[in-house]
Amino acid sequence: LKRGAARTENLELSDAYESNAERLVERAGLAGRVSRRLGVDIAETPDA
């Protein structure tokens, strides 16, 4: 994002990262450009 990407989406199955990820996004001033989704397995549900 700092290099010019417009937006990012992250897929996770463990919720252990969420609070730290949110803090890093806020500190970087990039809130609104990062989407995080839990429980999505792209191999099993690619249309999601």
ModelCIF file with pLDDT and N, C-alpha, C, O atoms, coordinates in Angstrom:
data_MODEL
#
_entry.id   MODEL 
#
_entity.id                         1 
_entity.type                       polymer 
_entity.pdbx_number_of_molecules   1 
#
_entity_poly.entity_id                      1 
_entity_poly.type                           'polypeptide(L)' 
_entity_poly.nstd_linkage                   no 
_entity_poly.nstd_monomer                   no 
_entity_poly.pdbx_seq_one_letter_code       LKRGAARTENLELSDAYESNAERLVERAGLAGRVSRRLGVDIAETPDA 
_entity_poly.pdbx_seq_one_letter_code_can   LKRGAARTENLELSDAYESNAERLVERAGLAGRVSRRLGVDIAETPDA 
_entity_poly.pdbx_strand_id                 A 
#
loop_
_entity_poly_seq.entity_id 
_entity_poly_seq.num 
_entity_poly_seq.mon_id 
_entity_poly_seq.hetero 
1 1  LEU n 
1 2  LYS n 
1 3  ARG n 
1 4  GLY n 
1 5  ALA n 
1 6  ALA n 
1 7  ARG n 
1 8  THR n 
1 9  GLU n 
1 10 ASN n 
1 11 LEU n 
1 12 GLU n 
1 13 LEU n 
1 14 SER n 
1 15 ASP n 
1 16 ALA n 
1 17 TYR n 
1 18 GLU n 
1 19 SER n 
1 20 ASN n 
1 21 ALA n 
1 22 GLU n 
1 23 ARG n 
1 24 LEU n 
1 25 VAL n 
1 26 GLU n 
1 27 ARG n 
1 28 ALA n 
1 29 GLY n 
1 30 LEU n 
1 31 ALA n 
1 32 GLY n 
1 33 ARG n 
1 34 VAL n 
1 35 SER n 
1 36 ARG n 
1 37 ARG n 
1 38 LEU n 
1 39 GLY n 
1 40 VAL n 
1 41 ASP n 
1 42 ILE n 
1 43 ALA n 
1 44 GLU n 
1 45 THR n 
1 46 PRO n 
1 47 ASP n 
1 48 ALA n 
#
_struct_asym.id          A 
_struct_asym.entity_id   1 
#
loop_
_ma_qa_metric.id 
_ma_qa_metric.mode 
_ma_qa_metric.name 
_ma_qa_metric.software_group_id 
_ma_qa_metric.type 
1 global pLDDT . pLDDT 
2 local  pLDDT . pLDDT 
#
_ma_qa_metric_global.metric_id      1 
_ma_qa_metric_global.metric_value   94.88 
_ma_qa_metric_global.model_id       1 
_ma_qa_metric_global.ordinal_id     1 
#
loop_
_ma_qa_metric_local.label_asym_id 
_ma_qa_metric_local.label_comp_id 
_ma_qa_metric_local.label_seq_id 
_ma_qa_metric_local.metric_id 
_ma_qa_metric_local.metric_value 
_ma_qa_metric_local.model_id 
_ma_qa_metric_local.ordinal_id 
A LEU 1  2 98.00 1 1  
A LYS 2  2 97.00 1 2  
A ARG 3  2 97.00 1 3  
A GLY 4  2 97.00 1 4  
A ALA 5  2 98.00 1 5  
A ALA 6  2 98.00 1 6  
A ARG 7  2 98.00 1 7  
A THR 8  2 98.00 1 8  
A GLU 9  2 98.00 1 9  
A ASN 10 2 98.00 1 10 
A LEU 11 2 96.00 1 11 
A GLU 12 2 91.00 1 12 
A LEU 13 2 83.00 1 13 
A SER 14 2 83.00 1 14 
A ASP 15 2 88.00 1 15 
A ALA 16 2 91.00 1 16 
A TYR 17 2 94.00 1 17 
A GLU 18 2 95.00 1 18 
A SER 19 2 95.00 1 19 
A ASN 20 2 96.00 1 20 
A ALA 21 2 97.00 1 21 
A GLU 22 2 96.00 1 22 
A ARG 23 2 96.00 1 23 
A LEU 24 2 97.00 1 24 
A VAL 25 2 97.00 1 25 
A GLU 26 2 97.00 1 26 
A ARG 27 2 95.00 1 27 
A ALA 28 2 96.00 1 28 
A GLY 29 2 96.00 1 29 
A LEU 30 2 97.00 1 30 
A ALA 31 2 92.00 1 31 
A GLY 32 2 94.00 1 32 
A ARG 33 2 97.00 1 33 
A VAL 34 2 98.00 1 34 
A SER 35 2 97.00 1 35 
A ARG 36 2 97.00 1 36 
A ARG 37 2 96.00 1 37 
A LEU 38 2 92.00 1 38 
A GLY 39 2 89.00 1 39 
A VAL 40 2 91.00 1 40 
A ASP 41 2 92.00 1 41 
A ILE 42 2 96.00 1 42 
A ALA 43 2 94.00 1 43 
A GLU 44 2 93.00 1 44 
A THR 45 2 95.00 1 45 
A PRO 46 2 96.00 1 46 
A ASP 47 2 96.00 1 47 
A ALA 48 2 96.00 1 48 
#
loop_
_atom_site.group_PDB 
_atom_site.id 
_atom_site.type_symbol 
_atom_site.label_atom_id 
_atom_site.label_alt_id 
_atom_site.label_comp_id 
_atom_site.label_asym_id 
_atom_site.label_entity_id 
_atom_site.label_seq_id 
_atom_site.pdbx_PDB_ins_code 
_atom_site.Cartn_x 
_atom_site.Cartn_y 
_atom_site.Cartn_z 
_atom_site.occupancy 
_atom_site.B_iso_or_equiv 
_atom_site.pdbx_formal_charge 
_atom_site.auth_seq_id 
_atom_site.auth_comp_id 
_atom_site.auth_asym_id 
_atom_site.auth_atom_id 
_atom_site.pdbx_PDB_model_num 
ATOM 1   N N  . LEU A 1 1  ? 0.834   -1.206  0.000  1.00 98.00 ? 1  LEU A N  1 
ATOM 2   C CA . LEU A 1 1  ? 0.000   0.000   0.000  1.00 98.00 ? 1  LEU A CA 1 
ATOM 3   C C  . LEU A 1 1  ? 0.865   1.251   0.000  1.00 98.00 ? 1  LEU A C  1 
ATOM 4   O O  . LEU A 1 1  ? 0.544   2.231   -0.673 1.00 98.00 ? 1  LEU A O  1 
ATOM 5   N N  . LYS A 1 2  ? 1.948   1.224   0.743  1.00 97.00 ? 2  LYS A N  1 
ATOM 6   C CA . LYS A 1 2  ? 2.862   2.371   0.757  1.00 97.00 ? 2  LYS A CA 1 
ATOM 7   C C  . LYS A 1 2  ? 3.534   2.562   -0.592 1.00 97.00 ? 2  LYS A C  1 
ATOM 8   O O  . LYS A 1 2  ? 3.935   3.671   -0.944 1.00 97.00 ? 2  LYS A O  1 
ATOM 9   N N  . ARG A 1 3  ? 3.655   1.477   -1.343 1.00 97.00 ? 3  ARG A N  1 
ATOM 10  C CA . ARG A 1 3  ? 4.272   1.545   -2.676 1.00 97.00 ? 3  ARG A CA 1 
ATOM 11  C C  . ARG A 1 3  ? 3.264   1.915   -3.769 1.00 97.00 ? 3  ARG A C  1 
ATOM 12  O O  . ARG A 1 3  ? 3.629   2.050   -4.937 1.00 97.00 ? 3  ARG A O  1 
ATOM 13  N N  . GLY A 1 4  ? 1.997   2.077   -3.382 1.00 97.00 ? 4  GLY A N  1 
ATOM 14  C CA . GLY A 1 4  ? 1.033   2.539   -4.375 1.00 97.00 ? 4  GLY A CA 1 
ATOM 15  C C  . GLY A 1 4  ? -0.134  1.628   -4.665 1.00 97.00 ? 4  GLY A C  1 
ATOM 16  O O  . GLY A 1 4  ? -1.008  1.995   -5.451 1.00 97.00 ? 4  GLY A O  1 
ATOM 17  N N  . ALA A 1 5  ? -0.187  0.438   -4.055 1.00 98.00 ? 5  ALA A N  1 
ATOM 18  C CA . ALA A 1 5  ? -1.361  -0.423  -4.236 1.00 98.00 ? 5  ALA A CA 1 
ATOM 19  C C  . ALA A 1 5  ? -2.601  0.294   -3.709 1.00 98.00 ? 5  ALA A C  1 
ATOM 20  O O  . ALA A 1 5  ? -2.519  1.102   -2.784 1.00 98.00 ? 5  ALA A O  1 
ATOM 21  N N  . ALA A 1 6  ? -3.745  -0.011  -4.307 1.00 98.00 ? 6  ALA A N  1 
ATOM 22  C CA . ALA A 1 6  ? -4.972  0.695   -3.934 1.00 98.00 ? 6  ALA A CA 1 
ATOM 23  C C  . ALA A 1 6  ? -5.630  0.113   -2.700 1.00 98.00 ? 6  ALA A C  1 
ATOM 24  O O  . ALA A 1 6  ? -6.079  0.852   -1.825 1.00 98.00 ? 6  ALA A O  1 
ATOM 25  N N  . ARG A 1 7  ? -5.691  -1.211  -2.623 1.00 98.00 ? 7  ARG A N  1 
ATOM 26  C CA . ARG A 1 7  ? -6.386  -1.866  -1.512 1.00 98.00 ? 7  ARG A CA 1 
ATOM 27  C C  . ARG A 1 7  ? -5.888  -3.301  -1.381 1.00 98.00 ? 7  ARG A C  1 
ATOM 28  O O  . ARG A 1 7  ? -5.338  -3.871  -2.324 1.00 98.00 ? 7  ARG A O  1 
ATOM 29  N N  . THR A 1 8  ? -6.088  -3.873  -0.200 1.00 98.00 ? 8  THR A N  1 
ATOM 30  C CA . THR A 1 8  ? -5.679  -5.250  0.036  1.00 98.00 ? 8  THR A CA 1 
ATOM 31  C C  . THR A 1 8  ? -6.794  -6.016  0.739  1.00 98.00 ? 8  THR A C  1 
ATOM 32  O O  . THR A 1 8  ? -7.617  -5.444  1.453  1.00 98.00 ? 8  THR A O  1 
ATOM 33  N N  . GLU A 1 9  ? -6.794  -7.310  0.518  1.00 98.00 ? 9  GLU A N  1 
ATOM 34  C CA . GLU A 1 9  ? -7.715  -8.212  1.215  1.00 98.00 ? 9  GLU A CA 1 
ATOM 35  C C  . GLU A 1 9  ? -6.902  -9.372  1.768  1.00 98.00 ? 9  GLU A C  1 
ATOM 36  O O  . GLU A 1 9  ? -6.070  -9.942  1.061  1.00 98.00 ? 9  GLU A O  1 
ATOM 37  N N  . ASN A 1 10 ? -7.136  -9.727  3.028  1.00 98.00 ? 10 ASN A N  1 
ATOM 38  C CA . ASN A 1 10 ? -6.407  -10.792 3.695  1.00 98.00 ? 10 ASN A CA 1 
ATOM 39  C C  . ASN A 1 10 ? -7.371  -11.900 4.111  1.00 98.00 ? 10 ASN A C  1 
ATOM 40  O O  . ASN A 1 10 ? -8.434  -11.629 4.670  1.00 98.00 ? 10 ASN A O  1 
ATOM 41  N N  . LEU A 1 11 ? -6.997  -13.145 3.836  1.00 96.00 ? 11 LEU A N  1 
ATOM 42  C CA . LEU A 1 11 ? -7.798  -14.303 4.239  1.00 96.00 ? 11 LEU A CA 1 
ATOM 43  C C  . LEU A 1 11 ? -7.070  -15.032 5.357  1.00 96.00 ? 11 LEU A C  1 
ATOM 44  O O  . LEU A 1 11 ? -5.881  -15.329 5.236  1.00 96.00 ? 11 LEU A O  1 
ATOM 45  N N  . GLU A 1 12 ? -7.773  -15.321 6.438  1.00 91.00 ? 12 GLU A N  1 
ATOM 46  C CA . GLU A 1 12 ? -7.188  -16.012 7.585  1.00 91.00 ? 12 GLU A CA 1 
ATOM 47  C C  . GLU A 1 12 ? -8.143  -17.087 8.112  1.00 91.00 ? 12 GLU A C  1 
ATOM 48  O O  . GLU A 1 12 ? -9.361  -16.989 7.961  1.00 91.00 ? 12 GLU A O  1 
ATOM 49  N N  . LEU A 1 13 ? -7.564  -18.101 8.724  1.00 83.00 ? 13 LEU A N  1 
ATOM 50  C CA . LEU A 1 13 ? -8.363  -19.087 9.437  1.00 83.00 ? 13 LEU A CA 1 
ATOM 51  C C  . LEU A 1 13 ? -8.153  -19.014 10.945 1.00 83.00 ? 13 LEU A C  1 
ATOM 52  O O  . LEU A 1 13 ? -8.963  -19.539 11.710 1.00 83.00 ? 13 LEU A O  1 
ATOM 53  N N  . SER A 1 14 ? -7.081  -18.372 11.375 1.00 83.00 ? 14 SER A N  1 
ATOM 54  C CA . SER A 1 14 ? -6.842  -18.150 12.805 1.00 83.00 ? 14 SER A CA 1 
ATOM 55  C C  . SER A 1 14 ? -7.120  -16.689 13.137 1.00 83.00 ? 14 SER A C  1 
ATOM 56  O O  . SER A 1 14 ? -6.732  -15.791 12.389 1.00 83.00 ? 14 SER A O  1 
ATOM 57  N N  . ASP A 1 15 ? -7.793  -16.455 14.262 1.00 88.00 ? 15 ASP A N  1 
ATOM 58  C CA . ASP A 1 15 ? -8.104  -15.074 14.643 1.00 88.00 ? 15 ASP A CA 1 
ATOM 59  C C  . ASP A 1 15 ? -7.009  -14.437 15.502 1.00 88.00 ? 15 ASP A C  1 
ATOM 60  O O  . ASP A 1 15 ? -7.188  -13.327 16.004 1.00 88.00 ? 15 ASP A O  1 
ATOM 61  N N  . ALA A 1 16 ? -5.888  -15.121 15.674 1.00 91.00 ? 16 ALA A N  1 
ATOM 62  C CA . ALA A 1 16 ? -4.844  -14.635 16.575 1.00 91.00 ? 16 ALA A CA 1 
ATOM 63  C C  . ALA A 1 16 ? -4.194  -13.337 16.089 1.00 91.00 ? 16 ALA A C  1 
ATOM 64  O O  . ALA A 1 16 ? -3.620  -12.594 16.885 1.00 91.00 ? 16 ALA A O  1 
ATOM 65  N N  . TYR A 1 17 ? -4.283  -13.063 14.792 1.00 94.00 ? 17 TYR A N  1 
ATOM 66  C CA . TYR A 1 17 ? -3.584  -11.911 14.228 1.00 94.00 ? 17 TYR A CA 1 
ATOM 67  C C  . TYR A 1 17 ? -4.408  -10.626 14.214 1.00 94.00 ? 17 TYR A C  1 
ATOM 68  O O  . TYR A 1 17 ? -3.855  -9.548  13.995 1.00 94.00 ? 17 TYR A O  1 
ATOM 69  N N  . GLU A 1 18 ? -5.702  -10.716 14.440 1.00 95.00 ? 18 GLU A N  1 
ATOM 70  C CA . GLU A 1 18 ? -6.577  -9.595  14.114 1.00 95.00 ? 18 GLU A CA 1 
ATOM 71  C C  . GLU A 1 18 ? -6.279  -8.322  14.901 1.00 95.00 ? 18 GLU A C  1 
ATOM 72  O O  . GLU A 1 18 ? -6.233  -7.239  14.319 1.00 95.00 ? 18 GLU A O  1 
ATOM 73  N N  . SER A 1 19 ? -6.077  -8.431  16.202 1.00 95.00 ? 19 SER A N  1 
ATOM 74  C CA . SER A 1 19 ? -5.873  -7.207  16.991 1.00 95.00 ? 19 SER A CA 1 
ATOM 75  C C  . SER A 1 19 ? -4.565  -6.531  16.614 1.00 95.00 ? 19 SER A C  1 
ATOM 76  O O  . SER A 1 19 ? -4.520  -5.306  16.504 1.00 95.00 ? 19 SER A O  1 
ATOM 77  N N  . ASN A 1 20 ? -3.503  -7.297  16.415 1.00 96.00 ? 20 ASN A N  1 
ATOM 78  C CA . ASN A 1 20 ? -2.231  -6.700  16.015 1.00 96.00 ? 20 ASN A CA 1 
ATOM 79  C C  . ASN A 1 20 ? -2.305  -6.128  14.604 1.00 96.00 ? 20 ASN A C  1 
ATOM 80  O O  . ASN A 1 20 ? -1.744  -5.066  14.336 1.00 96.00 ? 20 ASN A O  1 
ATOM 81  N N  . ALA A 1 21 ? -2.990  -6.822  13.706 1.00 97.00 ? 21 ALA A N  1 
ATOM 82  C CA . ALA A 1 21 ? -3.139  -6.322  12.345 1.00 97.00 ? 21 ALA A CA 1 
ATOM 83  C C  . ALA A 1 21 ? -3.885  -4.992  12.335 1.00 97.00 ? 21 ALA A C  1 
ATOM 84  O O  . ALA A 1 21 ? -3.497  -4.061  11.631 1.00 97.00 ? 21 ALA A O  1 
ATOM 85  N N  . GLU A 1 22 ? -4.942  -4.911  13.111 1.00 96.00 ? 22 GLU A N  1 
ATOM 86  C CA . GLU A 1 22 ? -5.712  -3.673  13.177 1.00 96.00 ? 22 GLU A CA 1 
ATOM 87  C C  . GLU A 1 22 ? -4.857  -2.518  13.700 1.00 96.00 ? 22 GLU A C  1 
ATOM 88  O O  . GLU A 1 22 ? -4.949  -1.395  13.204 1.00 96.00 ? 22 GLU A O  1 
ATOM 89  N N  . ARG A 1 23 ? -4.040  -2.797  14.688 1.00 96.00 ? 23 ARG A N  1 
ATOM 90  C CA . ARG A 1 23 ? -3.182  -1.752  15.249 1.00 96.00 ? 23 ARG A CA 1 
ATOM 91  C C  . ARG A 1 23 ? -2.160  -1.275  14.221 1.00 96.00 ? 23 ARG A C  1 
ATOM 92  O O  . ARG A 1 23 ? -1.909  -0.075  14.107 1.00 96.00 ? 23 ARG A O  1 
ATOM 93  N N  . LEU A 1 24 ? -1.571  -2.203  13.475 1.00 97.00 ? 24 LEU A N  1 
ATOM 94  C CA . LEU A 1 24 ? -0.600  -1.811  12.465 1.00 97.00 ? 24 LEU A CA 1 
ATOM 95  C C  . LEU A 1 24 ? -1.237  -0.968  11.371 1.00 97.00 ? 24 LEU A C  1 
ATOM 96  O O  . LEU A 1 24 ? -0.637  -0.003  10.898 1.00 97.00 ? 24 LEU A O  1 
ATOM 97  N N  . VAL A 1 25 ? -2.444  -1.328  10.969 1.00 97.00 ? 25 VAL A N  1 
ATOM 98  C CA . VAL A 1 25 ? -3.142  -0.565  9.935  1.00 97.00 ? 25 VAL A CA 1 
ATOM 99  C C  . VAL A 1 25 ? -3.427  0.852   10.425 1.00 97.00 ? 25 VAL A C  1 
ATOM 100 O O  . VAL A 1 25 ? -3.210  1.819   9.694  1.00 97.00 ? 25 VAL A O  1 
ATOM 101 N N  . GLU A 1 26 ? -3.907  0.975   11.647 1.00 97.00 ? 26 GLU A N  1 
ATOM 102 C CA . GLU A 1 26 ? -4.215  2.291   12.196 1.00 97.00 ? 26 GLU A CA 1 
ATOM 103 C C  . GLU A 1 26 ? -2.953  3.146   12.304 1.00 97.00 ? 26 GLU A C  1 
ATOM 104 O O  . GLU A 1 26 ? -2.969  4.326   11.956 1.00 97.00 ? 26 GLU A O  1 
ATOM 105 N N  . ARG A 1 27 ? -1.871  2.557   12.780 1.00 95.00 ? 27 ARG A N  1 
ATOM 106 C CA . ARG A 1 27 ? -0.632  3.312   12.941 1.00 95.00 ? 27 ARG A CA 1 
ATOM 107 C C  . ARG A 1 27 ? -0.072  3.766   11.601 1.00 95.00 ? 27 ARG A C  1 
ATOM 108 O O  . ARG A 1 27 ? 0.569   4.813   11.514 1.00 95.00 ? 27 ARG A O  1 
ATOM 109 N N  . ALA A 1 28 ? -0.313  2.979   10.558 1.00 96.00 ? 28 ALA A N  1 
ATOM 110 C CA . ALA A 1 28 ? 0.165   3.341   9.226  1.00 96.00 ? 28 ALA A CA 1 
ATOM 111 C C  . ALA A 1 28 ? -0.753  4.328   8.529  1.00 96.00 ? 28 ALA A C  1 
ATOM 112 O O  . ALA A 1 28 ? -0.416  4.835   7.459  1.00 96.00 ? 28 ALA A O  1 
ATOM 113 N N  . GLY A 1 29 ? -1.914  4.612   9.120  1.00 96.00 ? 29 GLY A N  1 
ATOM 114 C CA . GLY A 1 29 ? -2.866  5.521   8.506  1.00 96.00 ? 29 GLY A CA 1 
ATOM 115 C C  . GLY A 1 29 ? -3.516  4.967   7.255  1.00 96.00 ? 29 GLY A C  1 
ATOM 116 O O  . GLY A 1 29 ? -3.830  5.710   6.325  1.00 96.00 ? 29 GLY A O  1 
ATOM 117 N N  . LEU A 1 30 ? -3.716  3.653   7.235  1.00 97.00 ? 30 LEU A N  1 
ATOM 118 C CA . LEU A 1 30 ? -4.233  2.994   6.033  1.00 97.00 ? 30 LEU A CA 1 
ATOM 119 C C  . LEU A 1 30 ? -5.602  2.363   6.257  1.00 97.00 ? 30 LEU A C  1 
ATOM 120 O O  . LEU A 1 30 ? -6.038  1.526   5.467  1.00 97.00 ? 30 LEU A O  1 
ATOM 121 N N  . ALA A 1 31 ? -6.275  2.758   7.322  1.00 92.00 ? 31 ALA A N  1 
ATOM 122 C CA . ALA A 1 31 ? -7.620  2.232   7.578  1.00 92.00 ? 31 ALA A CA 1 
ATOM 123 C C  . ALA A 1 31 ? -8.530  2.542   6.402  1.00 92.00 ? 31 ALA A C  1 
ATOM 124 O O  . ALA A 1 31 ? -8.468  3.629   5.826  1.00 92.00 ? 31 ALA A O  1 
ATOM 125 N N  . GLY A 1 32 ? -9.373  1.584   6.050  1.00 94.00 ? 32 GLY A N  1 
ATOM 126 C CA . GLY A 1 32 ? -10.267 1.755   4.918  1.00 94.00 ? 32 GLY A CA 1 
ATOM 127 C C  . GLY A 1 32 ? -9.731  1.168   3.633  1.00 94.00 ? 32 GLY A C  1 
ATOM 128 O O  . GLY A 1 32 ? -10.472 1.007   2.664  1.00 94.00 ? 32 GLY A O  1 
ATOM 129 N N  . ARG A 1 33 ? -8.452  0.848   3.614  1.00 97.00 ? 33 ARG A N  1 
ATOM 130 C CA . ARG A 1 33 ? -7.858  0.261   2.410  1.00 97.00 ? 33 ARG A CA 1 
ATOM 131 C C  . ARG A 1 33 ? -7.486  -1.206  2.618  1.00 97.00 ? 33 ARG A C  1 
ATOM 132 O O  . ARG A 1 33 ? -6.992  -1.863  1.702  1.00 97.00 ? 33 ARG A O  1 
ATOM 133 N N  . VAL A 1 34 ? -7.727  -1.714  3.828  1.00 98.00 ? 34 VAL A N  1 
ATOM 134 C CA . VAL A 1 34 ? -7.404  -3.110  4.160  1.00 98.00 ? 34 VAL A CA 1 
ATOM 135 C C  . VAL A 1 34 ? -8.666  -3.831  4.598  1.00 98.00 ? 34 VAL A C  1 
ATOM 136 O O  . VAL A 1 34 ? -9.376  -3.366  5.490  1.00 98.00 ? 34 VAL A O  1 
ATOM 137 N N  . SER A 1 35 ? -8.943  -4.958  3.976  1.00 97.00 ? 35 SER A N  1 
ATOM 138 C CA . SER A 1 35 ? -10.062 -5.816  4.357  1.00 97.00 ? 35 SER A CA 1 
ATOM 139 C C  . SER A 1 35 ? -9.511  -7.134  4.858  1.00 97.00 ? 35 SER A C  1 
ATOM 140 O O  . SER A 1 35 ? -8.625  -7.718  4.234  1.00 97.00 ? 35 SER A O  1 
ATOM 141 N N  . ARG A 1 36 ? -10.035 -7.611  5.991  1.00 97.00 ? 36 ARG A N  1 
ATOM 142 C CA . ARG A 1 36 ? -9.582  -8.880  6.561  1.00 97.00 ? 36 ARG A CA 1 
ATOM 143 C C  . ARG A 1 36 ? -10.796 -9.784  6.763  1.00 97.00 ? 36 ARG A C  1 
ATOM 144 O O  . ARG A 1 36 ? -11.815 -9.369  7.317  1.00 97.00 ? 36 ARG A O  1 
ATOM 145 N N  . ARG A 1 37 ? -10.662 -11.045 6.294  1.00 96.00 ? 37 ARG A N  1 
ATOM 146 C CA . ARG A 1 37 ? -11.768 -11.987 6.371  1.00 96.00 ? 37 ARG A CA 1 
ATOM 147 C C  . ARG A 1 37 ? -11.292 -13.273 7.046  1.00 96.00 ? 37 ARG A C  1 
ATOM 148 O O  . ARG A 1 37 ? -10.232 -13.807 6.722  1.00 96.00 ? 37 ARG A O  1 
ATOM 149 N N  . LEU A 1 38 ? -12.088 -13.751 7.980  1.00 92.00 ? 38 LEU A N  1 
ATOM 150 C CA . LEU A 1 38 ? -11.777 -14.975 8.712  1.00 92.00 ? 38 LEU A CA 1 
ATOM 151 C C  . LEU A 1 38 ? -12.614 -16.143 8.191  1.00 92.00 ? 38 LEU A C  1 
ATOM 152 O O  . LEU A 1 38 ? -13.774 -15.971 7.814  1.00 92.00 ? 38 LEU A O  1 
ATOM 153 N N  . GLY A 1 39 ? -12.009 -17.334 8.175  1.00 89.00 ? 39 GLY A N  1 
ATOM 154 C CA . GLY A 1 39 ? -12.756 -18.549 7.888  1.00 89.00 ? 39 GLY A CA 1 
ATOM 155 C C  . GLY A 1 39 ? -13.009 -18.833 6.429  1.00 89.00 ? 39 GLY A C  1 
ATOM 156 O O  . GLY A 1 39 ? -13.845 -19.680 6.115  1.00 89.00 ? 39 GLY A O  1 
ATOM 157 N N  . VAL A 1 40 ? -12.319 -18.158 5.517  1.00 91.00 ? 40 VAL A N  1 
ATOM 158 C CA . VAL A 1 40 ? -12.515 -18.388 4.085  1.00 91.00 ? 40 VAL A CA 1 
ATOM 159 C C  . VAL A 1 40 ? -11.351 -19.203 3.549  1.00 91.00 ? 40 VAL A C  1 
ATOM 160 O O  . VAL A 1 40 ? -10.210 -18.740 3.563  1.00 91.00 ? 40 VAL A O  1 
ATOM 161 N N  . ASP A 1 41 ? -11.622 -20.399 3.081  1.00 92.00 ? 41 ASP A N  1 
ATOM 162 C CA . ASP A 1 41 ? -10.634 -21.273 2.449  1.00 92.00 ? 41 ASP A CA 1 
ATOM 163 C C  . ASP A 1 41 ? -10.807 -21.148 0.943  1.00 92.00 ? 41 ASP A C  1 
ATOM 164 O O  . ASP A 1 41 ? -11.758 -21.693 0.383  1.00 92.00 ? 41 ASP A O  1 
ATOM 165 N N  . ILE A 1 42 ? -9.904  -20.440 0.284  1.00 96.00 ? 42 ILE A N  1 
ATOM 166 C CA . ILE A 1 42 ? -10.069 -20.140 -1.137 1.00 96.00 ? 42 ILE A CA 1 
ATOM 167 C C  . ILE A 1 42 ? -10.030 -21.401 -1.999 1.00 96.00 ? 42 ILE A C  1 
ATOM 168 O O  . ILE A 1 42 ? -10.622 -21.429 -3.078 1.00 96.00 ? 42 ILE A O  1 
ATOM 169 N N  . ALA A 1 43 ? -9.345  -22.438 -1.537 1.00 94.00 ? 43 ALA A N  1 
ATOM 170 C CA . ALA A 1 43 ? -9.294  -23.678 -2.303 1.00 94.00 ? 43 ALA A CA 1 
ATOM 171 C C  . ALA A 1 43 ? -10.626 -24.414 -2.270 1.00 94.00 ? 43 ALA A C  1 
ATOM 172 O O  . ALA A 1 43 ? -11.029 -25.028 -3.258 1.00 94.00 ? 43 ALA A O  1 
ATOM 173 N N  . GLU A 1 44 ? -11.304 -24.351 -1.136 1.00 93.00 ? 44 GLU A N  1 
ATOM 174 C CA . GLU A 1 44 ? -12.580 -25.046 -0.984 1.00 93.00 ? 44 GLU A CA 1 
ATOM 175 C C  . GLU A 1 44 ? -13.760 -24.212 -1.459 1.00 93.00 ? 44 GLU A C  1 
ATOM 176 O O  . GLU A 1 44 ? -14.725 -24.757 -1.995 1.00 93.00 ? 44 GLU A O  1 
ATOM 177 N N  . THR A 1 45 ? -13.696 -22.899 -1.271 1.00 95.00 ? 45 THR A N  1 
ATOM 178 C CA . THR A 1 45 ? -14.803 -22.018 -1.660 1.00 95.00 ? 45 THR A CA 1 
ATOM 179 C C  . THR A 1 45 ? -14.261 -20.846 -2.474 1.00 95.00 ? 45 THR A C  1 
ATOM 180 O O  . THR A 1 45 ? -14.307 -19.705 -2.016 1.00 95.00 ? 45 THR A O  1 
ATOM 181 N N  . PRO A 1 46 ? -13.750 -21.113 -3.673 1.00 96.00 ? 46 PRO A N  1 
ATOM 182 C CA . PRO A 1 46 ? -13.141 -20.043 -4.467 1.00 96.00 ? 46 PRO A CA 1 
ATOM 183 C C  . PRO A 1 46 ? -14.100 -18.927 -4.845 1.00 96.00 ? 46 PRO A C  1 
ATOM 184 O O  . PRO A 1 46 ? -13.675 -17.784 -5.017 1.00 96.00 ? 46 PRO A O  1 
ATOM 185 N N  . ASP A 1 47 ? -15.386 -19.232 -4.979 1.00 96.00 ? 47 ASP A N  1 
ATOM 186 C CA . ASP A 1 47 ? -16.347 -18.209 -5.367 1.00 96.00 ? 47 ASP A CA 1 
ATOM 187 C C  . ASP A 1 47 ? -16.644 -17.216 -4.246 1.00 96.00 ? 47 ASP A C  1 
ATOM 188 O O  . ASP A 1 47 ? -17.279 -16.188 -4.477 1.00 96.00 ? 47 ASP A O  1 
ATOM 189 N N  . ALA A 1 48 ? -16.186 -17.522 -3.036 1.00 96.00 ? 48 ALA A N  1 
ATOM 190 C CA . ALA A 1 48 ? -16.396 -16.603 -1.915 1.00 96.00 ? 48 ALA A CA 1 
ATOM 191 C C  . ALA A 1 48 ? -15.439 -15.419 -1.953 1.00 96.00 ? 48 ALA A C  1 
ATOM 192 O O  . ALA A 1 48 ? -15.490 -14.556 -1.076 1.00 96.00 ? 48 ALA A O  1 
#
